[in-house]
Each structure stands twice: as structure tokens, then as C-alpha cells.
């Protein structure tokens, strides 16, 4: 930990172009099944899934939200959340990195200039991956020619170790929120592999350090102006997708570990119902986000944020409940260190920490109170 990471230097095969939503979900299921085989070993030994992320890129799944006008498929948000959940069931860390990538693509869609969208979406179709983060306090951003010179470090964020591009939020002088799109291959960008969490151990979380880096104006976009913007709501929805994937992985191992299920049918049923409710919440939030993206009026955007918040909170609780149930219902056999079943609880617990639960609950209360006044 704490050393400068060497970027994964490999020649990725050309990315496949996925042509339908059915093909997308089929590819996700095939990849998730492959990812699951060594997910436990990667967790135990912290083997970063570079090859697995390259397989995601090659499959075309990392490009399924590129808009049709840029030659993409643009799947529905409900399906996108399900695809992230499928990948996260195979390996929750890979699912989290994938979710962060898709959030950047939404920011590009809504905030970038036409030329920047065209350029970056073309890279996505070729298989490039993105990670979103923000510069920490103390970052120096000064005007320099047609752009800025940046020096500083970003906050830790999932997927940076696997990214070709980093979308870093910053404040340009005098006080203009912007997003800088940084090429990870630039000599002035270094990535520090400093993640040591006890869960989501291979999600590619890292800190980027830039030193005297010139960022051209054509690689800078205004940051979202609203706290309810669609990229924020999508982030919440995909966090819920990762939690749902963790839930399903724990549930699968629970059913495999229980010998006589007849003695625990009622608690099994209780958790099964909760999992079904969570999946329904994700689907509902995805539909509302579809509407907000097409009809970006304030009411639709706020409604999508509320539903995405509800889905994220519910999914996080469900994941922790399923991980606890694995030990409560399967008993001592589930505690064997060689099985590494505790990774589901560790993943659920760490993933939940990144959710601003209290803020979301306050915002939800305010949203419903305003609806009551209308």
C-alpha cells in the first residue's frame, strides 16, 4: 500500500459492439459466472481484477449507455442497474468499479460540450474505462492559456486503478465548479494504490496525484449545478445495484450451506421477500430516472433522486441482512475460514459506508413534505 501503482499495460482486444438489451444481459450473466469462480481468491489475496475488467471492456458492456447519436445502445436505467447487480453478484468489487464508470458516462452526456462528448464516447466504444472522483482541498488550479494547470491530489474512489480516464471534480477560479477529464497515461498523473478496506478489497480504489498538469479547455466541462442531477441519481441507483448483487451472492451461498431447509423456511421466506422488494425498488427508480433524463424538469429530477435514494437505502439494508442471515441460518459450518463467506458481510458493510444515509433521509423527508404542500 501507499506505493505508486503501475498502470496495467496490456493490449486490449477491440471492443465488441452490443446490439440489443438481450445481448447485454446475456453477456453480463456469462461474465459474472466467470468472475465468480475466483472472486474469493481475489478477495483473500487482494489480486486486482485487471484481466476481468479488460474482459468487460472487450465484451462491449462498458459502452452500453453511450447514446444512439454517438453510435451506442443506451440501455434503460432499470436494465443497467440489473446488469451492475449481475456483475456484482459475480464479484462485488468489479460491479462497483463498473458502476462508477457508468456514472461518468452520464456526466459526459449531460455536461460535456459536443466536441468532448464525441471524443470521449468514441473512446468508450473502443473499450476505454472511466472513474469519477474529486480533487481534495488544497488543490492548485490556475489559468494557463486555453485551460488550467493543476497540482494536487484527488479523493479515493473505486475504479481509478482500472481507468483510462479520470473525471475529477474541481473548482476553477474564482469559484466555478468544473469536471476535468484526465488521461491516466499522462506522465503528470500518478495513481497511488492506497486502499486498505476490509471489504470491496479489489474495487480499484486509489488516489490520483497530479503535478503541474496542463488540462486543455476542451477537456473541461461545467459540473452539475443541482444536487439532484441525473448523474447523482444514477450513482445512487448503481450503488443499489451493487448492494443487490452482494445480497444475491450471500443468498446463493446461504442456500448452498443449509442442510435441512425445512426448519428455517419462514426466515428464508422473509429474506426472499425482502430481496424481491429490493429488486422492484431498483426497477421503479430506473424507470423514474429514464423519465428525468428525457424530461429534465425539476419535479421529475427530484422524483428520480427520491426513488434512487430509497432504492440505495433499502438495498444496503437488504445486503447486510442477507449477509447476517448466512451465518444465523447456516450455523457453524458457514464460519469456516476456508469458505471465506464473511466477504459478503465485509463487502456489504464497506459499501454501505459510502452512502450518505442521513443526508438522503433528510432530503427524502423534504421531498415528501413539499409534495404534501402542493
Protein backbone atom coordinates (compact mmCIF):
# COMPACT_ATOMS: atom_id res chain seq x y z
CA UNK A 1 0.00 0.00 0.00
CA UNK A 2 0.99 3.59 -0.49
CA UNK A 3 3.21 2.93 -3.48
CA UNK A 4 2.66 4.46 -6.88
CA UNK A 5 0.72 1.93 -8.89
CA UNK A 6 2.00 0.94 -12.30
CA UNK A 7 -0.84 1.11 -14.79
CA UNK A 8 -1.89 -2.20 -16.23
CA UNK A 9 -0.06 -2.23 -19.53
CA UNK A 10 -1.81 -4.60 -21.91
CA UNK A 11 -3.16 -4.55 -25.42
CA UNK A 12 -6.90 -4.95 -25.02
CA UNK A 13 -8.70 -6.64 -27.90
CA UNK A 14 -11.10 -4.45 -29.88
CA UNK A 15 -14.35 -3.96 -28.00
CA UNK A 16 -17.39 -5.83 -29.27
CA UNK A 17 -20.43 -3.72 -30.17
CA UNK A 18 -23.50 -4.94 -28.27
CA UNK A 19 -26.61 -4.56 -30.43
CA UNK A 20 -29.53 -5.25 -28.06
CA UNK A 21 -30.56 -5.25 -24.41
CA UNK A 22 -30.99 -9.03 -24.58
CA UNK A 23 -27.40 -9.41 -25.74
CA UNK A 24 -26.25 -7.08 -22.95
CA UNK A 25 -27.85 -9.05 -20.16
CA UNK A 26 -26.67 -12.35 -21.64
CA UNK A 27 -23.10 -11.06 -21.78
CA UNK A 28 -23.36 -9.84 -18.19
CA UNK A 29 -24.52 -13.26 -16.97
CA UNK A 30 -21.72 -15.06 -18.80
CA UNK A 31 -19.07 -12.71 -17.43
CA UNK A 32 -20.47 -12.80 -13.89
CA UNK A 33 -20.33 -16.59 -13.89
CA UNK A 34 -16.66 -16.42 -14.90
CA UNK A 35 -15.87 -13.70 -12.36
CA UNK A 36 -17.44 -15.66 -9.51
CA UNK A 37 -15.06 -18.62 -9.88
CA UNK A 38 -12.06 -16.81 -8.40
CA UNK A 39 -13.78 -13.93 -6.59
CA UNK A 40 -12.99 -15.41 -3.18
CA UNK A 41 -9.33 -15.98 -4.03
CA UNK A 42 -9.01 -12.43 -5.32
CA UNK A 43 -10.54 -11.16 -2.08
CA UNK A 44 -8.26 -13.21 0.17
CA UNK A 45 -5.03 -12.34 -1.65
CA UNK A 46 -6.10 -8.92 -2.96
CA UNK A 47 -5.47 -9.87 -6.57
CA UNK A 48 -6.66 -6.92 -8.61
CA UNK A 49 -9.02 -8.00 -11.43
CA UNK A 50 -7.27 -6.28 -14.34
CA UNK A 51 -7.97 -9.17 -16.71
CA UNK A 52 -11.62 -9.25 -15.65
CA UNK A 53 -12.04 -5.51 -16.30
CA UNK A 54 -10.41 -5.97 -19.68
CA UNK A 55 -12.94 -8.74 -20.40
CA UNK A 56 -15.73 -6.31 -19.51
CA UNK A 57 -14.35 -3.77 -21.95
CA UNK A 58 -13.88 -6.34 -24.70
CA UNK A 59 -17.46 -7.58 -24.26
CA UNK A 60 -18.86 -4.15 -25.02
CA UNK A 61 -20.70 -3.89 -21.69
CA UNK A 62 -18.78 -0.78 -20.65
CA UNK A 63 -20.30 1.09 -23.62
CA UNK A 64 -23.99 0.17 -23.27
CA UNK A 65 -25.05 3.64 -22.04
CA UNK A 66 -23.48 5.58 -24.90
CA UNK A 67 -26.36 7.48 -26.60
CA UNK A 68 -27.56 6.32 -30.04
CA UNK A 69 -26.48 9.60 -31.67
CA UNK A 70 -22.91 8.58 -30.77
CA UNK A 71 -23.44 5.02 -32.09
CA UNK A 72 -24.26 3.49 -28.71
CA UNK A 73 -27.09 1.32 -27.43
CA UNK A 74 -28.30 3.47 -24.48
CA UNK A 75 -29.97 0.78 -22.37
CA UNK A 76 -32.71 1.66 -19.90
CA UNK A 77 -31.63 2.53 -16.37
CA UNK A 78 -33.58 -0.35 -14.84
CA UNK A 79 -31.69 -2.78 -17.06
CA UNK A 80 -28.41 -1.01 -16.31
CA UNK A 81 -28.97 -1.44 -12.57
CA UNK A 82 -29.76 -5.12 -13.12
CA UNK A 83 -26.59 -5.60 -15.19
CA UNK A 84 -24.48 -3.99 -12.45
CA UNK A 85 -26.23 -6.25 -9.92
CA UNK A 86 -25.45 -9.32 -12.04
CA UNK A 87 -21.77 -8.38 -12.32
CA UNK A 88 -21.62 -7.55 -8.59
CA UNK A 89 -23.11 -10.93 -7.74
CA UNK A 90 -20.14 -12.47 -9.52
CA UNK A 91 -17.66 -10.07 -7.89
CA UNK A 92 -18.87 -7.07 -5.91
CA UNK A 93 -15.62 -5.15 -6.42
CA UNK A 94 -15.88 -5.39 -10.20
CA UNK A 95 -19.51 -4.32 -10.02
CA UNK A 96 -18.57 -1.23 -8.01
CA UNK A 97 -15.87 -0.18 -10.48
CA UNK A 98 -18.32 -0.68 -13.34
CA UNK A 99 -20.96 1.44 -11.61
CA UNK A 100 -18.53 4.31 -11.15
CA UNK A 101 -17.65 4.11 -14.85
CA UNK A 102 -21.29 4.45 -15.89
CA UNK A 103 -21.76 7.47 -13.63
CA UNK A 104 -19.01 9.28 -15.53
CA UNK A 105 -20.71 8.49 -18.83
CA UNK A 106 -23.89 10.14 -17.56
CA UNK A 107 -21.89 13.23 -16.54
CA UNK A 108 -20.36 13.34 -20.01
CA UNK A 109 -23.82 13.06 -21.59
CA UNK A 110 -25.30 15.90 -19.55
CA UNK A 111 -22.38 18.31 -19.07
CA UNK A 112 -19.69 17.93 -21.72
CA UNK A 113 -19.52 20.01 -24.88
CA UNK A 114 -20.50 18.42 -28.17
CA UNK A 115 -16.86 18.01 -29.22
CA UNK A 116 -15.88 16.49 -25.86
CA UNK A 117 -18.86 14.11 -25.89
CA UNK A 118 -17.99 12.97 -29.39
CA UNK A 119 -14.36 12.39 -28.46
CA UNK A 120 -14.93 10.61 -25.15
CA UNK A 121 -17.85 8.46 -26.29
CA UNK A 122 -15.69 7.29 -29.20
CA UNK A 123 -13.10 6.18 -26.64
CA UNK A 124 -15.79 4.37 -24.63
CA UNK A 125 -16.89 2.45 -27.73
CA UNK A 126 -13.29 1.34 -28.16
CA UNK A 127 -13.27 -0.03 -24.60
CA UNK A 128 -11.82 2.82 -22.53
CA UNK A 129 -12.89 2.94 -18.88
CA UNK A 130 -13.59 5.93 -16.64
CA UNK A 131 -13.60 6.65 -12.92
CA UNK A 132 -15.13 9.62 -11.11
CA UNK A 133 -13.57 11.41 -8.16
CA UNK A 134 -12.97 14.93 -6.84
CA UNK A 135 -9.88 16.93 -6.06
CA UNK A 136 -9.18 17.36 -2.36
CA UNK A 137 -8.90 20.71 -0.62
CA UNK A 138 -5.61 22.42 -1.31
CA UNK A 139 -5.50 21.57 -5.00
CA UNK A 140 -3.99 24.38 -7.04
CA UNK A 141 -5.87 25.16 -10.24
CA UNK A 142 -4.62 28.20 -12.12
CA UNK A 143 -5.49 29.58 -15.53
CA UNK A 144 -2.88 28.79 -18.18
CA UNK A 145 -3.52 29.54 -21.82
CA UNK A 146 -6.68 27.80 -23.07
CA UNK A 147 -7.12 25.79 -19.89
CA UNK A 148 -5.68 25.30 -16.43
CA UNK A 149 -2.57 23.98 -14.72
CA UNK A 150 -3.46 21.58 -11.93
CA UNK A 151 -1.43 20.33 -8.99
CA UNK A 152 -2.94 18.31 -6.17
CA UNK A 153 -4.48 15.01 -5.24
CA UNK A 154 -7.92 13.51 -5.54
CA UNK A 155 -10.04 11.70 -3.02
CA UNK A 156 -10.03 7.91 -3.05
CA UNK A 157 -12.57 6.45 -5.46
CA UNK A 158 -13.40 3.00 -6.86
CA UNK A 159 -12.12 2.04 -10.28
CA UNK A 160 -9.25 4.50 -10.57
CA UNK A 161 -6.70 1.68 -10.77
CA UNK A 162 -8.53 0.28 -13.81
CA UNK A 163 -9.37 3.57 -15.52
CA UNK A 164 -8.05 5.04 -18.74
CA UNK A 165 -9.62 8.38 -17.83
CA UNK A 166 -10.39 10.13 -14.56
CA UNK A 167 -13.26 12.61 -14.30
CA UNK A 168 -12.13 14.83 -11.43
CA UNK A 169 -14.43 17.47 -9.97
CA UNK A 170 -12.65 20.72 -9.09
CA UNK A 171 -13.27 24.41 -8.51
CA UNK A 172 -11.83 26.73 -11.13
CA UNK A 173 -11.10 30.31 -10.13
CA UNK A 174 -12.83 32.34 -8.95
CA UNK A 175 -15.44 29.75 -7.84
CA UNK A 176 -16.64 27.79 -10.87
CA UNK A 177 -17.36 24.06 -10.36
CA UNK A 178 -15.91 22.05 -13.23
CA UNK A 179 -15.00 18.49 -14.18
CA UNK A 180 -11.54 17.82 -15.58
CA UNK A 181 -11.09 14.78 -17.82
CA UNK A 182 -7.58 13.47 -17.19
CA UNK A 183 -5.85 10.83 -19.28
CA UNK A 184 -4.33 8.29 -16.91
CA UNK A 185 -1.44 7.66 -19.28
CA UNK A 186 -0.15 11.22 -18.86
CA UNK A 187 3.28 11.38 -17.22
CA UNK A 188 1.98 14.06 -14.83
CA UNK A 189 -0.73 11.76 -13.46
CA UNK A 190 0.22 9.14 -10.89
CA UNK A 191 -2.07 6.73 -9.11
CA UNK A 192 -1.44 5.65 -5.54
CA UNK A 193 -2.87 2.26 -4.59
CA UNK A 194 -3.76 3.19 -1.00
CA UNK A 195 -7.00 1.30 -0.41
CA UNK A 196 -6.88 -1.00 2.63
CA UNK A 197 -10.55 -1.55 3.43
CA UNK A 198 -11.57 -4.90 4.87
CA UNK A 199 -14.28 -5.25 2.20
CA UNK A 200 -14.52 -4.48 -1.52
CA UNK A 201 -10.82 -5.21 -1.40
CA UNK A 202 -10.25 -5.32 -5.17
CA UNK A 203 -12.51 -2.49 -6.37
CA UNK A 204 -9.60 -0.46 -7.74
CA UNK A 205 -9.97 2.35 -5.19
CA UNK A 206 -7.00 4.69 -5.31
CA UNK A 207 -5.89 8.30 -5.16
CA UNK A 208 -4.68 10.19 -8.21
CA UNK A 209 -1.88 12.73 -7.84
CA UNK A 210 -1.28 15.36 -10.50
CA UNK A 211 1.75 17.60 -10.65
CA UNK A 212 1.92 20.67 -12.87
CA UNK A 213 -0.54 19.10 -15.30
CA UNK A 214 -1.91 21.29 -18.07
CA UNK A 215 -5.55 20.49 -18.84
CA UNK A 216 -6.80 21.94 -22.09
CA UNK A 217 -10.09 23.82 -22.09
CA UNK A 218 -11.57 21.23 -24.45
CA UNK A 219 -11.13 18.57 -21.71
CA UNK A 220 -13.06 20.57 -19.12
CA UNK A 221 -16.82 20.68 -18.59
CA UNK A 222 -19.06 22.52 -16.11
CA UNK A 223 -20.01 20.41 -13.10
CA UNK A 224 -23.68 19.55 -12.50
CA UNK A 225 -25.42 22.53 -10.95
CA UNK A 226 -28.09 20.61 -9.00
CA UNK A 227 -27.67 18.20 -6.11
CA UNK A 228 -30.47 16.18 -7.72
CA UNK A 229 -28.76 15.86 -11.11
CA UNK A 230 -29.29 12.65 -13.05
CA UNK A 231 -25.67 11.54 -12.66
CA UNK A 232 -26.05 11.70 -8.86
CA UNK A 233 -29.31 9.75 -9.01
CA UNK A 234 -27.71 7.21 -11.33
CA UNK A 235 -24.86 6.84 -8.84
CA UNK A 236 -27.37 6.02 -6.10
CA UNK A 237 -29.20 3.57 -8.34
CA UNK A 238 -26.00 1.75 -9.26
CA UNK A 239 -24.89 1.67 -5.61
CA UNK A 240 -28.19 -0.11 -5.03
CA UNK A 241 -27.31 -2.46 -7.89
CA UNK A 242 -24.01 -3.38 -6.25
CA UNK A 243 -25.78 -3.99 -2.92
CA UNK A 244 -28.35 -6.19 -4.66
CA UNK A 245 -25.51 -8.18 -6.23
CA UNK A 246 -23.88 -8.68 -2.82
CA UNK A 247 -27.26 -9.79 -1.48
CA UNK A 248 -27.72 -12.38 -4.21
CA UNK A 249 -24.20 -13.74 -3.74
CA UNK A 250 -24.78 -14.13 0.02
CA UNK A 251 -28.21 -15.69 -0.62
CA UNK A 252 -26.76 -18.23 -3.05
CA UNK A 253 -24.10 -19.27 -0.55
CA UNK A 254 -26.71 -19.40 2.20
CA UNK A 255 -28.88 -21.85 0.28
CA UNK A 256 -25.83 -23.97 -0.51
CA UNK A 257 -24.74 -24.04 3.16
CA UNK A 258 -28.08 -25.03 4.69
CA UNK A 259 -28.63 -28.75 5.02
CA UNK A 260 -32.25 -29.11 6.16
CA UNK A 261 -34.12 -26.07 4.92
CA UNK A 262 -37.46 -27.19 6.34
CA UNK A 263 -36.53 -25.85 9.78
CA UNK A 264 -35.87 -22.33 8.52
CA UNK A 265 -38.48 -21.84 5.82
CA UNK A 266 -40.11 -18.82 7.47
CA UNK A 267 -36.90 -16.77 7.88
CA UNK A 268 -35.82 -17.84 4.40
CA UNK A 269 -39.13 -16.59 3.08
CA UNK A 270 -38.73 -13.30 4.92
CA UNK A 271 -35.37 -12.64 3.30
CA UNK A 272 -36.62 -13.83 -0.10
CA UNK A 273 -39.47 -11.31 0.05
CA UNK A 274 -37.09 -8.53 1.02
CA UNK A 275 -34.81 -9.35 -1.90
CA UNK A 276 -37.78 -9.24 -4.25
CA UNK A 277 -38.87 -5.87 -2.81
CA UNK A 278 -35.36 -4.51 -3.34
CA UNK A 279 -35.26 -5.62 -6.97
CA UNK A 280 -38.64 -3.95 -7.52
CA UNK A 281 -37.38 -0.72 -5.94
CA UNK A 282 -34.43 -0.65 -8.34
CA UNK A 283 -36.69 -1.21 -11.32
CA UNK A 284 -39.04 1.60 -10.22
CA UNK A 285 -36.16 4.01 -9.62
CA UNK A 286 -34.70 3.13 -13.02
CA UNK A 287 -37.97 3.96 -14.77
CA UNK A 288 -38.21 7.31 -12.97
CA UNK A 289 -34.63 8.12 -13.96
CA UNK A 290 -35.47 7.31 -17.59
CA UNK A 291 -38.23 9.93 -17.39
CA UNK A 292 -35.96 12.52 -15.76
CA UNK A 293 -33.32 12.09 -18.45
CA UNK A 294 -35.87 12.71 -21.20
CA UNK A 295 -37.94 15.37 -19.43
CA UNK A 296 -35.43 17.21 -17.25
CA UNK A 297 -37.87 19.40 -15.34
CA UNK A 298 -37.17 19.97 -11.66
CA UNK A 299 -40.06 17.81 -10.43
CA UNK A 300 -39.02 14.78 -12.49
CA UNK A 301 -35.37 15.10 -11.46
CA UNK A 302 -36.29 15.40 -7.75
CA UNK A 303 -38.65 12.41 -8.02
CA UNK A 304 -35.94 10.29 -9.63
CA UNK A 305 -33.50 11.28 -6.88
CA UNK A 306 -36.03 10.31 -4.20
CA UNK A 307 -36.65 6.87 -5.74
CA UNK A 308 -32.95 6.24 -6.30
CA UNK A 309 -32.24 7.21 -2.67
CA UNK A 310 -34.94 4.83 -1.45
CA UNK A 311 -33.54 2.01 -3.58
CA UNK A 312 -29.98 2.60 -2.33
CA UNK A 313 -31.00 2.65 1.33
CA UNK A 314 -33.23 -0.40 1.01
CA UNK A 315 -30.62 -2.35 -0.96
CA UNK A 316 -27.90 -1.58 1.57
CA UNK A 317 -30.07 -2.81 4.43
CA UNK A 318 -31.04 -5.91 2.47
CA UNK A 319 -27.42 -6.77 1.72
CA UNK A 320 -26.43 -6.56 5.38
CA UNK A 321 -29.49 -8.59 6.36
CA UNK A 322 -28.70 -11.34 3.87
CA UNK A 323 -25.03 -11.44 4.91
CA UNK A 324 -26.03 -11.78 8.57
CA UNK A 325 -28.62 -14.43 7.73
CA UNK A 326 -25.93 -16.51 6.07
CA UNK A 327 -24.36 -17.15 9.48
CA UNK A 328 -27.53 -17.10 11.56
CA UNK A 329 -29.34 -19.71 9.46
CA UNK A 330 -26.48 -21.84 8.15
CA UNK A 331 -24.78 -22.10 11.56
CA UNK A 332 -21.22 -23.02 12.40
CA UNK A 333 -20.48 -24.64 9.06
CA UNK A 334 -20.61 -21.21 7.43
CA UNK A 335 -17.86 -19.82 9.65
CA UNK A 336 -15.02 -21.88 8.21
CA UNK A 337 -12.21 -19.56 7.23
CA UNK A 338 -11.54 -21.54 4.08
CA UNK A 339 -15.03 -20.78 2.76
CA UNK A 340 -14.43 -17.01 3.10
CA UNK A 341 -18.18 -16.41 3.34
CA UNK A 342 -17.57 -13.44 5.60
CA UNK A 343 -16.55 -11.49 2.49
CA UNK A 344 -20.25 -10.89 1.76
CA UNK A 345 -20.73 -9.12 5.10
CA UNK A 346 -17.45 -7.24 4.70
CA UNK A 347 -18.44 -6.11 1.20
CA UNK A 348 -21.91 -5.04 2.29
CA UNK A 349 -20.59 -3.15 5.32
CA UNK A 350 -17.87 -1.27 3.42
CA UNK A 351 -20.17 -0.47 0.51
CA UNK A 352 -22.80 0.94 2.87
CA UNK A 353 -20.24 3.36 4.34
CA UNK A 354 -20.08 5.26 1.04
CA UNK A 355 -23.80 6.04 1.17
CA UNK A 356 -24.70 9.40 2.83
CA UNK A 357 -27.70 7.80 4.51
CA UNK A 358 -28.68 10.61 6.90
CA UNK A 359 -28.48 13.24 4.17
CA UNK A 360 -30.58 11.12 1.84
CA UNK A 361 -33.21 10.57 4.51
CA UNK A 362 -33.42 14.30 5.23
CA UNK A 363 -33.71 15.04 1.53
CA UNK A 364 -36.41 12.38 1.17
CA UNK A 365 -38.35 13.89 4.04
CA UNK A 366 -38.10 17.34 2.50
CA UNK A 367 -39.23 15.98 -0.89
CA UNK A 368 -42.31 14.32 0.56
CA UNK A 369 -43.14 17.36 2.70
CA UNK A 370 -43.12 19.56 -0.42
CA UNK A 371 -45.36 17.10 -2.25
CA UNK A 372 -47.78 17.29 0.69
CA UNK A 373 -47.90 21.08 0.39
CA UNK A 374 -48.60 21.01 -3.34
